[in-house]
C-alpha atoms as a PDB file:
ATOM      1  CA  MET A   1       8.516 161.752 -13.339  1.00  0.00           C
ATOM      2  CA  ILE A   2       9.654 162.241  -9.632  1.00  0.00           C
ATOM      3  CA  ARG A   3      11.773 165.305  -8.807  1.00  0.00           C
ATOM      4  CA  LEU A   4      13.911 164.966  -6.252  1.00  0.00           C
ATOM      5  CA  SER A   5      15.098 168.472  -4.306  1.00  0.00           C
ATOM      6  CA  VAL A   6      17.366 169.110  -1.243  1.00  0.00           C
ATOM      7  CA  LEU A   7      16.132 170.644   1.969  1.00  0.00           C
ATOM      8  CA  ASP A   8      19.518 171.194   3.980  1.00  0.00           C
ATOM      9  CA  GLN A   9      18.975 172.614   7.788  1.00  0.00           C
ATOM     10  CA  SER A  10      23.628 173.221   8.086  1.00  0.00           C
ATOM     11  CA  PRO A  11      23.867 170.225  10.575  1.00  0.00           C
ATOM     12  CA  ILE A  12      26.673 170.606  13.125  1.00  0.00           C
ATOM     13  CA  ARG A  13      28.658 167.511  13.893  1.00  0.00           C
ATOM     14  CA  SER A  14      29.644 166.925  17.602  1.00  0.00           C
ATOM     15  CA  GLY A  15      32.970 167.444  17.178  1.00  0.00           C
ATOM     16  CA  GLY A  16      33.115 169.671  14.620  1.00  0.00           C
ATOM     17  CA  THR A  17      32.185 173.532  13.839  1.00  0.00           C
ATOM     18  CA  ALA A  18      29.555 175.587  12.631  1.00  0.00           C
ATOM     19  CA  ALA A  19      31.880 176.550  10.112  1.00  0.00           C
ATOM     20  CA  ASP A  20      32.634 173.195   8.957  1.00  0.00           C
ATOM     21  CA  ALA A  21      28.548 173.138   9.056  1.00  0.00           C
ATOM     22  CA  ILE A  22      28.499 176.393   6.195  1.00  0.00           C
ATOM     23  CA  SER A  23      30.928 173.907   3.750  1.00  0.00           C
ATOM     24  CA  GLU A  24      29.737 171.206   4.138  1.00  0.00           C
ATOM     25  CA  THR A  25      26.282 172.621   2.480  1.00  0.00           C
ATOM     26  CA  VAL A  26      28.243 174.798  -0.451  1.00  0.00           C
ATOM     27  CA  GLN A  27      29.425 171.049  -0.741  1.00  0.00           C
ATOM     28  CA  LEU A  28      26.456 169.220  -0.844  1.00  0.00           C
ATOM     29  CA  ALA A  29      24.449 171.758  -3.001  1.00  0.00           C
ATOM     30  CA  GLN A  30      27.012 171.544  -5.740  1.00  0.00           C
ATOM     31  CA  THR A  31      26.513 167.955  -5.205  1.00  0.00           C
ATOM     32  CA  ALA A  32      23.329 167.924  -5.585  1.00  0.00           C
ATOM     33  CA  GLU A  33      23.409 169.999  -8.943  1.00  0.00           C
ATOM     34  CA  ARG A  34      25.999 167.331 -10.095  1.00  0.00           C
ATOM     35  CA  LEU A  35      23.414 164.152  -9.567  1.00  0.00           C
ATOM     36  CA  GLY A  36      20.529 166.234 -11.112  1.00  0.00           C
ATOM     37  CA  TYR A  37      18.229 167.214  -8.419  1.00  0.00           C
ATOM     38  CA  HIS A  38      15.695 169.942  -9.311  1.00  0.00           C
ATOM     39  CA  ARG A  39      16.306 172.372  -5.593  1.00  0.00           C
ATOM     40  CA  TYR A  40      18.474 172.955  -2.838  1.00  0.00           C
ATOM     41  CA  TRP A  41      16.447 175.034  -0.375  1.00  0.00           C
ATOM     42  CA  LEU A  42      18.641 176.081   3.020  1.00  0.00           C
ATOM     43  CA  ALA A  43      16.037 176.236   6.262  1.00  0.00           C
ATOM     44  CA  GLU A  44      16.164 178.585   9.392  1.00  0.00           C
ATOM     45  CA  HIS A  45      17.088 177.662  12.683  1.00  0.00           C
ATOM     46  CA  HIS A  46      18.651 180.211  15.454  1.00  0.00           C
ATOM     47  CA  SER A  47      20.721 179.630  18.755  1.00  0.00           C
ATOM     48  CA  HIS A  48      20.106 175.954  17.961  1.00  0.00           C
ATOM     49  CA  GLY A  49      23.317 173.741  18.214  1.00  0.00           C
ATOM     50  CA  ALA A  50      22.482 171.803  16.247  1.00  0.00           C
ATOM     51  CA  PHE A  51      22.068 173.620  13.136  1.00  0.00           C
ATOM     52  CA  ALA A  52      24.446 176.349  11.814  1.00  0.00           C
ATOM     53  CA  GLY A  53      21.534 178.278   9.112  1.00  0.00           C
ATOM     54  CA  THR A  54      20.768 181.100  10.960  1.00  0.00           C
ATOM     55  CA  SER A  55      20.405 183.471   7.662  1.00  0.00           C
ATOM     56  CA  PRO A  56      19.020 181.469   4.444  1.00  0.00           C
ATOM     57  CA  GLU A  57      18.824 184.705   2.457  1.00  0.00           C
ATOM     58  CA  VAL A  58      22.937 185.244   2.663  1.00  0.00           C
ATOM     59  CA  LEU A  59      23.498 181.029   1.618  1.00  0.00           C
ATOM     60  CA  ILE A  60      21.639 181.326  -1.382  1.00  0.00           C
ATOM     61  CA  GLY A  61      23.940 183.576  -2.753  1.00  0.00           C
ATOM     62  CA  GLN A  62      27.129 181.930  -1.868  1.00  0.00           C
ATOM     63  CA  ILE A  63      25.856 179.040  -3.113  1.00  0.00           C
ATOM     64  CA  ALA A  64      23.576 179.905  -6.771  1.00  0.00           C
ATOM     65  CA  ALA A  65      27.391 182.085  -7.071  1.00  0.00           C
ATOM     66  CA  THR A  66      29.273 178.208  -6.565  1.00  0.00           C
ATOM     67  CA  THR A  67      26.707 176.588  -8.624  1.00  0.00           C
ATOM     68  CA  GLU A  68      24.855 177.374 -12.367  1.00  0.00           C
ATOM     69  CA  THR A  69      22.000 175.467 -12.874  1.00  0.00           C
ATOM     70  CA  ILE A  70      20.201 173.807  -9.344  1.00  0.00           C
ATOM     71  CA  ARG A  71      17.128 176.291  -8.440  1.00  0.00           C
ATOM     72  CA  VAL A  72      18.432 177.693  -5.577  1.00  0.00           C
ATOM     73  CA  GLY A  73      15.772 179.388  -2.652  1.00  0.00           C
ATOM     74  CA  SER A  74      14.788 179.207   1.043  1.00  0.00           C
ATOM     75  CA  GLY A  75      13.166 176.522   3.083  1.00  0.00           C
ATOM     76  CA  GLY A  76      11.860 178.720   4.456  1.00  0.00           C
ATOM     77  CA  VAL A  77      12.109 182.344   5.710  1.00  0.00           C
ATOM     78  CA  MET A  78      10.641 182.889   9.031  1.00  0.00           C
ATOM     79  CA  LEU A  79       8.335 185.933   7.882  1.00  0.00           C
ATOM     80  CA  SER A  80       6.799 186.450  11.157  1.00  0.00           C
ATOM     81  CA  HIS A  81      10.073 187.605  12.839  1.00  0.00           C
ATOM     82  CA  TYR A  82      10.334 190.137   9.733  1.00  0.00           C
ATOM     83  CA  SER A  83       9.643 192.760   7.618  1.00  0.00           C
ATOM     84  CA  ALA A  84       7.538 191.924   4.296  1.00  0.00           C
ATOM     85  CA  LEU A  85       9.514 194.305   2.453  1.00  0.00           C
ATOM     86  CA  LYS A  86      13.001 193.524   3.866  1.00  0.00           C
ATOM     87  CA  VAL A  87      12.664 190.201   2.545  1.00  0.00           C
ATOM     88  CA  ALA A  88      10.778 191.325  -0.853  1.00  0.00           C
ATOM     89  CA  GLU A  89      14.069 193.597  -1.258  1.00  0.00           C
ATOM     90  CA  SER A  90      16.997 191.019  -0.604  1.00  0.00           C
ATOM     91  CA  PHE A  91      14.755 188.394  -2.990  1.00  0.00           C
ATOM     92  CA  ARG A  92      14.866 190.600  -5.279  1.00  0.00           C
ATOM     93  CA  VAL A  93      18.709 191.161  -5.380  1.00  0.00           C
ATOM     94  CA  LEU A  94      18.990 187.197  -5.141  1.00  0.00           C
ATOM     95  CA  GLU A  95      16.704 186.898  -8.825  1.00  0.00           C
ATOM     96  CA  THR A  96      17.995 190.236 -10.334  1.00  0.00           C
ATOM     97  CA  LEU A  97      21.977 188.581  -9.559  1.00  0.00           C
ATOM     98  CA  TYR A  98      20.330 184.619 -10.793  1.00  0.00           C
ATOM     99  CA  PRO A  99      17.118 185.280 -12.930  1.00  0.00           C
ATOM    100  CA  GLY A 100      15.277 182.696 -12.807  1.00  0.00           C
ATOM    101  CA  ARG A 101      16.768 180.061 -10.155  1.00  0.00           C
ATOM    102  CA  ILE A 102      15.597 181.290  -6.475  1.00  0.00           C
ATOM    103  CA  ASP A 103      12.911 180.220  -4.848  1.00  0.00           C
ATOM    104  CA  LEU A 104      11.123 182.235  -1.891  1.00  0.00           C
ATOM    105  CA  GLY A 105       9.784 179.801   0.736  1.00  0.00           C
ATOM    106  CA  LEU A 106       8.000 181.304   3.405  1.00  0.00           C
ATOM    107  CA  GLY A 107       7.282 179.682   7.260  1.00  0.00           C
ATOM    108  CA  ARG A 108       4.770 180.524  10.269  1.00  0.00           C
ATOM    109  CA  ALA A 109       7.569 178.278  12.686  1.00  0.00           C
ATOM    110  CA  PRO A 110       9.526 180.157  14.495  1.00  0.00           C
ATOM    111  CA  GLY A 111      12.313 178.100  13.883  1.00  0.00           C
ATOM    112  CA  ALA A 112      13.772 179.310  17.740  1.00  0.00           C
ATOM    113  CA  ASP A 113      12.281 179.163  20.977  1.00  0.00           C
ATOM    114  CA  ARG A 114      10.384 182.128  22.547  1.00  0.00           C
ATOM    115  CA  LEU A 115      13.582 184.079  23.800  1.00  0.00           C
ATOM    116  CA  THR A 116      15.004 183.748  20.778  1.00  0.00           C
ATOM    117  CA  SER A 117      12.157 184.837  18.802  1.00  0.00           C
ATOM    118  CA  ALA A 118      11.829 188.278  21.151  1.00  0.00           C
ATOM    119  CA  ALA A 119      14.954 188.907  19.983  1.00  0.00           C
ATOM    120  CA  LEU A 120      14.018 188.797  16.718  1.00  0.00           C
ATOM    121  CA  ALA A 121      11.811 190.803  17.097  1.00  0.00           C
ATOM    122  CA  PRO A 122      12.074 192.870  20.585  1.00  0.00           C
ATOM    123  CA  GLU A 123       8.819 195.322  18.940  1.00  0.00           C
ATOM    124  CA  GLN A 124       6.608 192.287  18.823  1.00  0.00           C
ATOM    125  CA  SER A 125       7.160 191.501  22.678  1.00  0.00           C
ATOM    126  CA  GLY A 126       7.195 187.931  20.798  1.00  0.00           C
ATOM    127  CA  PHE A 127       6.289 185.934  18.141  1.00  0.00           C
ATOM    128  CA  ARG A 128       3.268 186.648  16.178  1.00  0.00           C
ATOM    129  CA  TYR A 129       1.657 184.475  13.817  1.00  0.00           C
ATOM    130  CA  ASP A 130      -2.309 186.728  14.078  1.00  0.00           C
ATOM    131  CA  ASP A 131      -0.581 189.507  10.934  1.00  0.00           C
ATOM    132  CA  PHE A 132       1.056 186.311   8.873  1.00  0.00           C
ATOM    133  CA  PRO A 133      -1.131 185.862   5.751  1.00  0.00           C
ATOM    134  CA  GLN A 134      -0.726 190.325   5.716  1.00  0.00           C
ATOM    135  CA  LYS A 135       2.823 190.258   5.241  1.00  0.00           C
ATOM    136  CA  VAL A 136       2.508 187.327   3.061  1.00  0.00           C
ATOM    137  CA  SER A 137       0.217 189.744   0.761  1.00  0.00           C
ATOM    138  CA  ASP A 138       2.251 192.372   1.208  1.00  0.00           C
ATOM    139  CA  LEU A 139       5.436 190.569   0.161  1.00  0.00           C
ATOM    140  CA  ARG A 140       4.145 189.130  -2.277  1.00  0.00           C
ATOM    141  CA  GLY A 141       2.998 192.288  -3.871  1.00  0.00           C
ATOM    142  CA  TRP A 142       6.707 194.207  -3.471  1.00  0.00           C
ATOM    143  CA  VAL A 143       8.773 191.064  -4.973  1.00  0.00           C
ATOM    144  CA  GLU A 144       5.851 190.512  -7.784  1.00  0.00           C
ATOM    145  CA  GLY A 145       5.493 194.569  -8.344  1.00  0.00           C
ATOM    146  CA  SER A 146       1.781 194.052  -7.493  1.00  0.00           C
ATOM    147  CA  LEU A 147       0.653 195.988  -4.719  1.00  0.00           C
ATOM    148  CA  PRO A 148      -2.695 197.494  -5.390  1.00  0.00           C
ATOM    149  CA  GLU A 149      -3.867 200.931  -5.463  1.00  0.00           C
ATOM    150  CA  ASP A 150      -5.413 201.473  -3.097  1.00  0.00           C
ATOM    151  CA  HIS A 151      -2.171 199.691   0.065  1.00  0.00           C
ATOM    152  CA  PRO A 152      -0.868 202.221   2.298  1.00  0.00           C
ATOM    153  CA  PHE A 153       2.480 201.827   0.774  1.00  0.00           C
ATOM    154  CA  VAL A 154       1.824 201.581  -3.118  1.00  0.00           C
ATOM    155  CA  ARG A 155       4.656 203.464  -3.648  1.00  0.00           C
ATOM    156  CA  ILE A 156       7.496 202.147  -2.274  1.00  0.00           C
ATOM    157  CA  SER A 157       8.996 200.035  -4.491  1.00  0.00           C
ATOM    158  CA  ALA A 158      11.224 196.289  -3.848  1.00  0.00           C
ATOM    159  CA  MET A 159      14.487 196.866  -5.708  1.00  0.00           C
ATOM    160  CA  PRO A 160      16.148 196.014  -8.015  1.00  0.00           C
ATOM    161  CA  THR A 161      12.832 195.778 -10.138  1.00  0.00           C
ATOM    162  CA  GLY A 162      13.030 194.039 -12.709  1.00  0.00           C
ATOM    163  CA  ASP A 163      10.739 191.313 -15.239  1.00  0.00           C
ATOM    164  CA  THR A 164      10.814 188.014 -13.356  1.00  0.00           C
ATOM    165  CA  ALA A 165      10.247 186.718  -9.857  1.00  0.00           C
ATOM    166  CA  PRO A 166      12.133 184.711  -7.759  1.00  0.00           C
ATOM    167  CA  GLU A 167       8.770 181.588  -7.350  1.00  0.00           C
ATOM    168  CA  MET A 168       7.206 182.241  -4.173  1.00  0.00           C
ATOM    169  CA  TRP A 169       6.321 178.117  -1.877  1.00  0.00           C
ATOM    170  CA  LEU A 170       4.217 178.271   1.566  1.00  0.00           C
ATOM    171  CA  LEU A 171       5.234 176.112   3.854  1.00  0.00           C
ATOM    172  CA  GLY A 172       3.800 174.148   6.794  1.00  0.00           C
ATOM    173  CA  THR A 173       2.386 171.499   8.538  1.00  0.00           C
ATOM    174  CA  SER A 174      -0.727 172.165   8.631  1.00  0.00           C
ATOM    175  CA  ASP A 175      -4.301 172.842   6.801  1.00  0.00           C
ATOM    176  CA  GLN A 176      -3.626 176.746   7.605  1.00  0.00           C
ATOM    177  CA  SER A 177      -0.384 176.467   6.268  1.00  0.00           C
ATOM    178  CA  ALA A 178      -2.782 175.294   3.278  1.00  0.00           C
ATOM    179  CA  ILE A 179      -5.568 177.397   3.492  1.00  0.00           C
ATOM    180  CA  LEU A 180      -2.873 180.512   2.923  1.00  0.00           C
ATOM    181  CA  ALA A 181      -0.907 178.444  -0.555  1.00  0.00           C
ATOM    182  CA  ALA A 182      -4.996 177.621  -1.988  1.00  0.00           C
ATOM    183  CA  HIS A 183      -5.759 181.240  -1.357  1.00  0.00           C
ATOM    184  CA  PHE A 184      -2.604 183.199  -2.217  1.00  0.00           C
ATOM    185  CA  GLY A 185      -2.239 180.798  -5.239  1.00  0.00           C
ATOM    186  CA  CYS A 186       0.922 179.510  -4.184  1.00  0.00           C
ATOM    187  CA  ALA A 187       2.844 176.161  -4.725  1.00  0.00           C
ATOM    188  CA  PHE A 188       2.952 174.746  -0.875  1.00  0.00           C
ATOM    189  CA  SER A 189       5.107 171.868   0.628  1.00  0.00           C
ATOM    190  CA  PHE A 190       3.836 170.248   3.272  1.00  0.00           C
ATOM    191  CA  ALA A 191       6.502 169.177   5.787  1.00  0.00           C
ATOM    192  CA  HIS A 192       6.325 165.430   6.412  1.00  0.00           C
ATOM    193  CA  PHE A 193       9.428 165.163   7.868  1.00  0.00           C
ATOM    194  CA  ILE A 194       7.785 167.198  10.771  1.00  0.00           C
ATOM    195  CA  ASN A 195       4.275 166.199  11.009  1.00  0.00           C
ATOM    196  CA  THR A 196       2.796 162.993   9.040  1.00  0.00           C
ATOM    197  CA  TYR A 197      -1.026 163.536  10.190  1.00  0.00           C
ATOM    198  CA  GLY A 198      -3.207 164.497   7.977  1.00  0.00           C
ATOM    199  CA  SER A 199      -0.895 165.031   5.412  1.00  0.00           C
ATOM    200  CA  VAL A 200      -3.053 163.220   2.427  1.00  0.00           C
ATOM    201  CA  GLN A 201      -5.825 165.407   3.738  1.00  0.00           C
ATOM    202  CA  VAL A 202      -3.858 168.928   4.408  1.00  0.00           C
ATOM    203  CA  MET A 203      -2.306 168.588   0.402  1.00  0.00           C
ATOM    204  CA  GLU A 204      -6.057 167.402  -0.775  1.00  0.00           C
ATOM    205  CA  MET A 205      -7.411 170.833   0.870  1.00  0.00           C
ATOM    206  CA  TYR A 206      -4.735 172.471  -0.966  1.00  0.00           C
ATOM    207  CA  ARG A 207      -5.155 171.938  -4.395  1.00  0.00           C
ATOM    208  CA  LYS A 208      -9.490 171.654  -3.857  1.00  0.00           C
ATOM    209  CA  ASP A 209      -9.464 175.629  -2.692  1.00  0.00           C
ATOM    210  CA  PHE A 210      -6.845 176.821  -4.798  1.00  0.00           C
ATOM    211  CA  ARG A 211      -7.534 179.659  -6.451  1.00  0.00           C
ATOM    212  CA  PRO A 212      -4.988 180.577  -9.910  1.00  0.00           C
ATOM    213  CA  SER A 213      -2.897 183.724  -9.206  1.00  0.00           C
ATOM    214  CA  ALA A 214      -0.952 185.501 -12.157  1.00  0.00           C
ATOM    215  CA  LYS A 215       2.630 183.510 -12.175  1.00  0.00           C
ATOM    216  CA  CYS A 216       1.199 179.775 -10.430  1.00  0.00           C
ATOM    217  CA  LYS A 217      -1.879 179.238 -12.329  1.00  0.00           C
ATOM    218  CA  ASP A 218      -2.749 175.295 -11.305  1.00  0.00           C
ATOM    219  CA  PRO A 219      -1.448 173.910  -7.844  1.00  0.00           C
ATOM    220  CA  VAL A 220       1.626 173.149  -7.252  1.00  0.00           C
ATOM    221  CA  GLY A 221       2.809 170.734  -4.147  1.00  0.00           C
ATOM    222  CA  SER A 222       5.561 169.107  -3.123  1.00  0.00           C
ATOM    223  CA  LEU A 223       6.508 166.852   0.411  1.00  0.00           C
ATOM    224  CA  ALA A 224       9.302 167.156   2.274  1.00  0.00           C
ATOM    225  CA  VAL A 225      10.579 164.168   3.702  1.00  0.00           C
ATOM    226  CA  PHE A 226      13.123 163.221   6.197  1.00  0.00           C
ATOM    227  CA  VAL A 227      15.453 160.583   4.155  1.00  0.00           C
ATOM    228  CA  ILE A 228      18.770 158.341   4.372  1.00  0.00           C
ATOM    229  CA  CYS A 229      19.607 156.124   2.000  1.00  0.00           C
ATOM    230  CA  ALA A 230      22.575 153.433   2.439  1.00  0.00           C
ATOM    231  CA  PRO A 231      23.647 150.122   0.800  1.00  0.00           C
ATOM    232  CA  THR A 232      22.023 148.438   2.876  1.00  0.00           C
ATOM    233  CA  GLU A 233      18.704 149.073   5.330  1.00  0.00           C
ATOM    234  CA  ASP A 234      20.788 148.095   8.868  1.00  0.00           C
ATOM    235  CA  GLU A 235      23.349 151.156   7.594  1.00  0.00           C
ATOM    236  CA  ALA A 236      20.621 153.033   7.146  1.00  0.00           C
ATOM    237  CA  LEU A 237      19.159 152.824  10.332  1.00  0.00           C
ATOM    238  CA  TYR A 238      22.683 152.808  12.130  1.00  0.00           C
ATOM    239  CA  HIS A 239      23.353 156.001  10.732  1.00  0.00           C
ATOM    240  CA  ALA A 240      19.188 157.228  11.224  1.00  0.00           C
ATOM    241  CA  ALA A 241      20.335 156.321  15.027  1.00  0.00           C
ATOM    242  CA  SER A 242      20.921 160.087  16.030  1.00  0.00           C
ATOM    243  CA  ARG A 243      18.420 161.825  14.715  1.00  0.00           C
ATOM    244  CA  PRO A 244      15.849 160.867  17.959  1.00  0.00           C
ATOM    245  CA  LEU A 245      18.980 162.113  20.667  1.00  0.00           C
ATOM    246  CA  VAL A 246      19.932 165.250  18.186  1.00  0.00           C
ATOM    247  CA  MET A 247      15.970 166.229  18.208  1.00  0.00           C
ATOM    248  CA  LEU A 248      15.313 165.029  22.513  1.00  0.00           C
ATOM    249  CA  ARG A 249      18.413 167.177  23.053  1.00  0.00           C
ATOM    250  CA  SER A 250      16.449 170.173  21.652  1.00  0.00           C
ATOM    251  CA  ARG A 251      13.387 169.749  23.043  1.00  0.00           C
ATOM    252  CA  ARG A 252      15.105 170.247  26.032  1.00  0.00           C
ATOM    253  CA  GLY A 253      16.788 173.052  25.013  1.00  0.00           C
ATOM    254  CA  GLU A 254      20.416 171.372  25.474  1.00  0.00           C
ATOM    255  CA  GLY A 255      23.249 172.265  23.485  1.00  0.00           C
ATOM    256  CA  GLY A 256      26.000 169.685  21.101  1.00  0.00           C
ATOM    257  CA  GLY A 257      25.744 168.392  18.007  1.00  0.00           C
ATOM    258  CA  VAL A 258      24.504 166.483  16.376  1.00  0.00           C
ATOM    259  CA  PRO A 259      25.688 162.829  18.202  1.00  0.00           C
ATOM    260  CA  THR A 260      27.672 159.743  16.521  1.00  0.00           C
ATOM    261  CA  PRO A 261      24.977 156.870  15.526  1.00  0.00           C
ATOM    262  CA  GLU A 262      27.056 154.787  18.423  1.00  0.00           C
ATOM    263  CA  GLU A 263      26.668 157.975  21.269  1.00  0.00           C
ATOM    264  CA  ALA A 264      23.172 157.538  20.198  1.00  0.00           C
ATOM    265  CA  LEU A 265      22.053 154.472  20.135  1.00  0.00           C
ATOM    266  CA  ALA A 266      24.707 154.132  24.076  1.00  0.00           C
ATOM    267  CA  TYR A 267      22.291 156.492  25.006  1.00  0.00           C
ATOM    268  CA  PRO A 268      19.947 155.478  28.172  1.00  0.00           C
ATOM    269  CA  TRP A 269      16.414 155.860  27.240  1.00  0.00           C
ATOM    270  CA  THR A 270      14.001 156.476  29.320  1.00  0.00           C
ATOM    271  CA  ASN A 271      10.079 155.528  28.739  1.00  0.00           C
ATOM    272  CA  MET A 272       8.863 158.273  27.779  1.00  0.00           C
ATOM    273  CA  GLU A 273      11.962 158.973  25.616  1.00  0.00           C
ATOM    274  CA  ARG A 274      11.475 156.434  24.116  1.00  0.00           C
ATOM    275  CA  ALA A 275       8.084 157.147  23.182  1.00  0.00           C
ATOM    276  CA  PHE A 276       9.270 160.039  21.793  1.00  0.00           C
ATOM    277  CA  ALA A 277      12.031 158.847  19.979  1.00  0.00           C
ATOM    278  CA  GLU A 278       9.894 156.231  18.457  1.00  0.00           C
ATOM    279  CA  ASP A 279       7.004 159.403  17.021  1.00  0.00           C
ATOM    280  CA  ILE A 280      10.439 160.348  15.406  1.00  0.00           C
ATOM    281  CA  ASP A 281      11.565 157.243  13.804  1.00  0.00           C
ATOM    282  CA  SER A 282       8.072 156.785  12.826  1.00  0.00           C
ATOM    283  CA  ARG A 283       8.730 160.698  10.398  1.00  0.00           C
ATOM    284  CA  THR A 284      12.689 158.344   8.899  1.00  0.00           C
ATOM    285  CA  ILE A 285      12.833 157.149   5.894  1.00  0.00           C
ATOM    286  CA  ALA A 286      15.662 155.136   5.957  1.00  0.00           C
ATOM    287  CA  GLY A 287      16.895 151.741   3.995  1.00  0.00           C
ATOM    288  CA  ASP A 288      18.850 150.749   1.002  1.00  0.00           C
ATOM    289  CA  PRO A 289      17.686 152.075  -2.765  1.00  0.00           C
ATOM    290  CA  GLU A 290      14.659 150.293  -3.527  1.00  0.00           C
ATOM    291  CA  GLN A 291      13.398 150.284   0.327  1.00  0.00           C
ATOM    292  CA  VAL A 292      13.107 153.993   0.423  1.00  0.00           C
ATOM    293  CA  LYS A 293      12.263 154.177  -3.500  1.00  0.00           C
ATOM    294  CA  ASN A 294       9.477 151.954  -2.634  1.00  0.00           C
ATOM    295  CA  ARG A 295       8.382 153.766   0.338  1.00  0.00           C
ATOM    296  CA  LEU A 296       8.635 157.701  -1.489  1.00  0.00           C
ATOM    297  CA  GLU A 297       6.656 155.943  -4.415  1.00  0.00           C
ATOM    298  CA  THR A 298       4.001 155.335  -2.561  1.00  0.00           C
ATOM    299  CA  LEU A 299       3.614 158.975  -0.706  1.00  0.00           C
ATOM    300  CA  ALA A 300       4.070 160.448  -4.434  1.00  0.00           C
ATOM    301  CA  SER A 301       1.057 158.472  -5.189  1.00  0.00           C
ATOM    302  CA  ASP A 302      -1.130 158.688  -2.260  1.00  0.00           C
ATOM    303  CA  HIS A 303      -0.435 162.886  -1.429  1.00  0.00           C
ATOM    304  CA  LYS A 304      -0.569 163.332  -5.358  1.00  0.00           C
ATOM    305  CA  VAL A 305       3.096 164.762  -5.870  1.00  0.00           C
ATOM    306  CA  GLU A 306       5.296 164.927  -7.382  1.00  0.00           C
ATOM    307  CA  GLU A 307       8.432 166.112  -5.828  1.00  0.00           C
ATOM    308  CA  PHE A 308      10.054 165.612  -2.482  1.00  0.00           C
ATOM    309  CA  VAL A 309      12.855 168.074  -0.788  1.00  0.00           C
ATOM    310  CA  ILE A 310      14.962 165.490   0.873  1.00  0.00           C
ATOM    311  CA  VAL A 311      16.296 166.708   4.223  1.00  0.00           C
ATOM    312  CA  ASN A 312      18.620 164.256   6.559  1.00  0.00           C
ATOM    313  CA  VAL A 313      20.691 164.764   9.436  1.00  0.00           C
ATOM    314  CA  MET A 314      23.938 162.141   9.940  1.00  0.00           C
ATOM    315  CA  HIS A 315      27.442 162.681  11.808  1.00  0.00           C
ATOM    316  CA  SER A 316      28.963 161.610   8.798  1.00  0.00           C
ATOM    317  CA  PHE A 317      28.973 164.277   6.173  1.00  0.00           C
ATOM    318  CA  GLU A 318      30.585 161.166   3.604  1.00  0.00           C
ATOM    319  CA  ALA A 319      27.238 159.258   5.007  1.00  0.00           C
ATOM    320  CA  ARG A 320      24.643 162.203   4.161  1.00  0.00           C
ATOM    321  CA  VAL A 321      26.907 162.201   0.170  1.00  0.00           C
ATOM    322  CA  LYS A 322      26.375 159.613   0.291  1.00  0.00           C
ATOM    323  CA  SER A 323      22.534 158.881   0.733  1.00  0.00           C
ATOM    324  CA  TYR A 324      22.165 161.329  -1.763  1.00  0.00           C
ATOM    325  CA  GLU A 325      23.922 160.149  -4.707  1.00  0.00           C
ATOM    326  CA  LEU A 326      22.175 156.200  -4.423  1.00  0.00           C
ATOM    327  CA  LEU A 327      18.787 158.510  -4.614  1.00  0.00           C
ATOM    328  CA  ALA A 328      19.540 159.937  -7.173  1.00  0.00           C
ATOM    329  CA  GLU A 329      20.557 156.656  -9.124  1.00  0.00           C
ATOM    330  CA  VAL A 330      18.110 154.450  -7.788  1.00  0.00           C
ATOM    331  CA  PHE A 331      16.137 157.380  -9.584  1.00  0.00           C
ATOM    332  CA  GLU A 332      17.576 157.263 -12.396  1.00  0.00           C
ATOM    333  CA  LEU A 333      18.268 161.412 -12.364  1.00  0.00           C
ATOM    334  CA  LYS A 334      19.908 163.733 -15.082  1.00  0.00           C
ATOM    335  CA  PHE A 335      23.952 163.562 -13.306  1.00  0.00           C
ATOM    336  CA  LEU A 336      25.538 166.622 -14.819  1.00  0.00           C
END
């Protein structure tokens, strides 16, 4: 049985506001719970004109407070910007408030441009990858209360302590993230909506090299996929037209929210830009319910996963909600 979950980037519609985007995130989370989605993850982006979600740990608390059963977590915290202890403390608080419902997803990517990364962690003079494995190790030790006896900070506890701990995930788009997840015995989610190349091999590598840990005895994997589901294929493709232009403007460092499909379809693409858009489209699953279900079932079989984390970006909030509703129906999720 395939599980469906949600990754929300809190997109800002052109003509809308960041406050609208945050309000829609809370509404969508409540809808996802009602529809039977398993977990709801919040992304982390900084200084981005199209995405309002800068602080997943804050949104997690709000969403967990306004829902009852759905798991809520980060997809993910960009750990290289932050102190492992501070992240551990934030998620220990969340776990204490909502025991058994919190996910701690960690990413290696900056979620920002180089200048913004430098502003987030000035002492690092920009973004760094080299200390990420140590930070993951320290974070898990503090979250689970399992720092080794010879650790220099073993006397420090991430408060509040407790009997349960957040479910820890590593997120990534490459074999490096899979290697770390396997080494630390964590669940692993591959961001298929960012990179499709070698995804089958990466998931196979993760399962093959997985080392059981106290909290995760067997490999647990998922795919984060970009899906737009509509009553007809034409309608789905219409709404999907906005995404390439969002990504193009982001790559150029331009501002602006998610454009309408009409604006995106009327954009005068150059040949180089068209190639960029086609690459984005290749990572988009858009169609009617049966088309989408067939493509996801094929991906599940190829990657040997039982869970998809569904992300979409559209100008119409109503169309986003409808997409999740149609997916829930075609996969026969259990509605509350």
